Amino acid sequence: MSQDSRGGQRISNILSHLKPLQLIRAWNDCAGPALLKQVRFLGLLQEDGLVWLRLEVPDPTWRQELEYQKEAILTAFNARLAESGYPKAERPTQCRLLNAGGIGPATRSAKGAKRRG
């Protein structure tokens, strides 16, 4: 293995470790103080050809508020990722809000509510 090849591998390895840091920094930069205090950044999820920004909300009031702000949050988050050189193909195109306590996304909550009623 040539020295150039090993150096390239080291750089690639370093860059792959930077991705989680880029995500955290992008969230910290785009979320205001209230979001940072109340909403938990859970990372990205690749599912069915889509990349999801996953956020955990503490209660239904926060969920409703963020439903109205999802697009703006996603746009700001992706702008920060672009500034940091994060690959475009790996940036989120959707935002998924999860209930605190691991209950799951709104669609699962709605199904559970129907069964009870």
C-alpha atoms as a PDB file:
ATOM      1  CA  MET A   1       0.000   0.000   0.000  1.00  0.00           C
ATOM      2  CA  SER A   2       1.471   3.367  -0.973  1.00  0.00           C
ATOM      3  CA  GLN A   3       1.787   6.240   1.454  1.00  0.00           C
ATOM      4  CA  ASP A   4      -0.752   8.266  -0.559  1.00  0.00           C
ATOM      5  CA  SER A   5      -3.284   5.460  -0.231  1.00  0.00           C
ATOM      6  CA  ARG A   6      -2.841   5.224   3.564  1.00  0.00           C
ATOM      7  CA  GLY A   7      -3.091   8.987   3.876  1.00  0.00           C
ATOM      8  CA  GLY A   8      -6.287   8.963   1.834  1.00  0.00           C
ATOM      9  CA  GLN A   9      -7.724   6.242   4.049  1.00  0.00           C
ATOM     10  CA  ARG A  10      -6.862   8.218   7.182  1.00  0.00           C
ATOM     11  CA  ILE A  11      -8.534  11.329   5.811  1.00  0.00           C
ATOM     12  CA  SER A  12     -11.607   9.323   4.815  1.00  0.00           C
ATOM     13  CA  ASN A  13     -11.735   7.784   8.304  1.00  0.00           C
ATOM     14  CA  ILE A  14     -11.442  11.198   9.965  1.00  0.00           C
ATOM     15  CA  LEU A  15     -14.172  12.657   7.749  1.00  0.00           C
ATOM     16  CA  SER A  16     -16.550   9.786   8.563  1.00  0.00           C
ATOM     17  CA  HIS A  17     -16.093  10.548  12.270  1.00  0.00           C
ATOM     18  CA  LEU A  18     -16.843  14.227  11.655  1.00  0.00           C
ATOM     19  CA  LYS A  19     -20.345  13.572  10.304  1.00  0.00           C
ATOM     20  CA  PRO A  20     -21.980  13.125  13.743  1.00  0.00           C
ATOM     21  CA  LEU A  21     -20.268  16.300  14.910  1.00  0.00           C
ATOM     22  CA  GLN A  22     -21.510  18.159  11.846  1.00  0.00           C
ATOM     23  CA  LEU A  23     -25.066  17.034  12.628  1.00  0.00           C
ATOM     24  CA  ILE A  24     -24.874  18.123  16.258  1.00  0.00           C
ATOM     25  CA  ARG A  25     -23.356  21.458  15.367  1.00  0.00           C
ATOM     26  CA  ALA A  26     -25.967  22.077  12.650  1.00  0.00           C
ATOM     27  CA  TRP A  27     -28.754  21.387  15.160  1.00  0.00           C
ATOM     28  CA  ASN A  28     -27.190  23.620  17.804  1.00  0.00           C
ATOM     29  CA  ASP A  29     -26.739  26.413  15.249  1.00  0.00           C
ATOM     30  CA  CYS A  30     -30.242  26.299  13.737  1.00  0.00           C
ATOM     31  CA  ALA A  31     -32.291  25.676  16.883  1.00  0.00           C
ATOM     32  CA  GLY A  32     -32.958  28.638  19.116  1.00  0.00           C
ATOM     33  CA  PRO A  33     -32.610  28.528  22.907  1.00  0.00           C
ATOM     34  CA  ALA A  34     -36.194  27.318  23.442  1.00  0.00           C
ATOM     35  CA  LEU A  35     -35.799  24.401  21.013  1.00  0.00           C
ATOM     36  CA  LEU A  36     -32.446  23.427  22.474  1.00  0.00           C
ATOM     37  CA  LYS A  37     -34.032  23.347  25.912  1.00  0.00           C
ATOM     38  CA  GLN A  38     -37.239  21.481  24.993  1.00  0.00           C
ATOM     39  CA  VAL A  39     -36.586  19.423  21.849  1.00  0.00           C
ATOM     40  CA  ARG A  40     -34.085  16.587  21.670  1.00  0.00           C
ATOM     41  CA  PHE A  41     -32.130  16.015  18.474  1.00  0.00           C
ATOM     42  CA  LEU A  42     -32.124  12.256  17.762  1.00  0.00           C
ATOM     43  CA  GLY A  43     -30.130  12.293  14.545  1.00  0.00           C
ATOM     44  CA  LEU A  44     -30.938  11.198  11.017  1.00  0.00           C
ATOM     45  CA  LEU A  45     -32.664   8.077   9.784  1.00  0.00           C
ATOM     46  CA  GLN A  46     -32.496   6.680   6.260  1.00  0.00           C
ATOM     47  CA  GLU A  47     -35.723   4.849   5.445  1.00  0.00           C
ATOM     48  CA  ASP A  48     -37.446   3.974   2.166  1.00  0.00           C
ATOM     49  CA  GLY A  49     -35.102   6.166   0.142  1.00  0.00           C
ATOM     50  CA  LEU A  50     -35.701   9.206   2.352  1.00  0.00           C
ATOM     51  CA  VAL A  51     -33.510  10.827   4.969  1.00  0.00           C
ATOM     52  CA  TRP A  52     -35.405  11.952   8.063  1.00  0.00           C
ATOM     53  CA  LEU A  53     -34.427  14.530  10.671  1.00  0.00           C
ATOM     54  CA  ARG A  54     -35.619  12.976  13.938  1.00  0.00           C
ATOM     55  CA  LEU A  55     -36.641  15.188  16.844  1.00  0.00           C
ATOM     56  CA  GLU A  56     -38.143  14.223  20.190  1.00  0.00           C
ATOM     57  CA  VAL A  57     -40.812  16.573  21.548  1.00  0.00           C
ATOM     58  CA  PRO A  58     -41.762  16.704  25.240  1.00  0.00           C
ATOM     59  CA  ASP A  59     -45.545  17.026  24.870  1.00  0.00           C
ATOM     60  CA  PRO A  60     -48.473  17.562  22.456  1.00  0.00           C
ATOM     61  CA  THR A  61     -48.190  21.354  22.683  1.00  0.00           C
ATOM     62  CA  TRP A  62     -44.603  21.273  21.446  1.00  0.00           C
ATOM     63  CA  ARG A  63     -45.546  18.728  18.779  1.00  0.00           C
ATOM     64  CA  GLN A  64     -48.266  21.004  17.435  1.00  0.00           C
ATOM     65  CA  GLU A  65     -45.943  24.023  17.416  1.00  0.00           C
ATOM     66  CA  LEU A  66     -43.218  22.122  15.588  1.00  0.00           C
ATOM     67  CA  GLU A  67     -45.673  20.739  13.034  1.00  0.00           C
ATOM     68  CA  TYR A  68     -46.038  24.349  11.854  1.00  0.00           C
ATOM     69  CA  GLN A  69     -42.276  24.965  11.930  1.00  0.00           C
ATOM     70  CA  LYS A  70     -40.964  21.674  10.465  1.00  0.00           C
ATOM     71  CA  GLU A  71     -40.139  23.075   7.036  1.00  0.00           C
ATOM     72  CA  ALA A  72     -38.337  26.124   8.430  1.00  0.00           C
ATOM     73  CA  ILE A  73     -36.348  23.943  10.844  1.00  0.00           C
ATOM     74  CA  LEU A  74     -35.450  21.506   8.066  1.00  0.00           C
ATOM     75  CA  THR A  75     -34.363  24.351   5.763  1.00  0.00           C
ATOM     76  CA  ALA A  76     -32.195  25.965   8.454  1.00  0.00           C
ATOM     77  CA  PHE A  77     -30.699  22.601   9.458  1.00  0.00           C
ATOM     78  CA  ASN A  78     -29.813  21.736   5.862  1.00  0.00           C
ATOM     79  CA  ALA A  79     -28.314  25.189   5.303  1.00  0.00           C
ATOM     80  CA  ARG A  80     -25.967  24.609   8.248  1.00  0.00           C
ATOM     81  CA  LEU A  81     -25.070  21.156   6.926  1.00  0.00           C
ATOM     82  CA  ALA A  82     -24.331  22.619   3.475  1.00  0.00           C
ATOM     83  CA  GLU A  83     -22.056  25.239   5.041  1.00  0.00           C
ATOM     84  CA  SER A  84     -20.110  22.475   6.784  1.00  0.00           C
ATOM     85  CA  GLY A  85     -19.703  20.467   3.561  1.00  0.00           C
ATOM     86  CA  TYR A  86     -22.068  17.661   4.590  1.00  0.00           C
ATOM     87  CA  PRO A  87     -22.957  15.556   1.519  1.00  0.00           C
ATOM     88  CA  LYS A  88     -26.178  16.734  -0.134  1.00  0.00           C
ATOM     89  CA  ALA A  89     -27.397  13.187  -0.769  1.00  0.00           C
ATOM     90  CA  GLU A  90     -27.232  12.476   2.983  1.00  0.00           C
ATOM     91  CA  ARG A  91     -29.117  15.587   4.136  1.00  0.00           C
ATOM     92  CA  PRO A  92     -32.669  15.125   5.432  1.00  0.00           C
ATOM     93  CA  THR A  93     -35.658  15.797   3.228  1.00  0.00           C
ATOM     94  CA  GLN A  94     -38.302  15.083   5.885  1.00  0.00           C
ATOM     95  CA  CYS A  95     -38.747  15.791   9.592  1.00  0.00           C
ATOM     96  CA  ARG A  96     -40.154  13.205  11.993  1.00  0.00           C
ATOM     97  CA  LEU A  97     -41.404  14.290  15.416  1.00  0.00           C
ATOM     98  CA  LEU A  98     -41.319  11.621  18.098  1.00  0.00           C
ATOM     99  CA  ASN A  99     -43.030  11.747  21.466  1.00  0.00           C
ATOM    100  CA  ALA A 100     -40.832  11.858  24.557  1.00  0.00           C
ATOM    101  CA  GLY A 101     -40.640   8.530  26.329  1.00  0.00           C
ATOM    102  CA  GLY A 102     -40.315   6.488  23.153  1.00  0.00           C
ATOM    103  CA  ILE A 103     -44.020   6.338  22.288  1.00  0.00           C
ATOM    104  CA  GLY A 104     -43.221   6.909  18.622  1.00  0.00           C
ATOM    105  CA  PRO A 105     -44.361   9.160  15.817  1.00  0.00           C
ATOM    106  CA  ALA A 106     -47.780  10.760  15.671  1.00  0.00           C
ATOM    107  CA  THR A 107     -49.101   8.099  13.296  1.00  0.00           C
ATOM    108  CA  ARG A 108     -48.496   5.377  15.866  1.00  0.00           C
ATOM    109  CA  SER A 109     -50.093   7.467  18.612  1.00  0.00           C
ATOM    110  CA  ALA A 110     -53.192   7.966  16.472  1.00  0.00           C
ATOM    111  CA  LYS A 111     -53.517   4.219  15.885  1.00  0.00           C
ATOM    112  CA  GLY A 112     -53.227   3.586  19.620  1.00  0.00           C
ATOM    113  CA  ALA A 113     -55.917   6.186  20.313  1.00  0.00           C
ATOM    114  CA  LYS A 114     -58.308   4.476  17.870  1.00  0.00           C
ATOM    115  CA  ARG A 115     -57.877   1.121  19.598  1.00  0.00           C
ATOM    116  CA  ARG A 116     -58.742   2.619  22.981  1.00  0.00           C
ATOM    117  CA  GLY A 117     -61.844   4.382  21.781  1.00  0.00           C
END
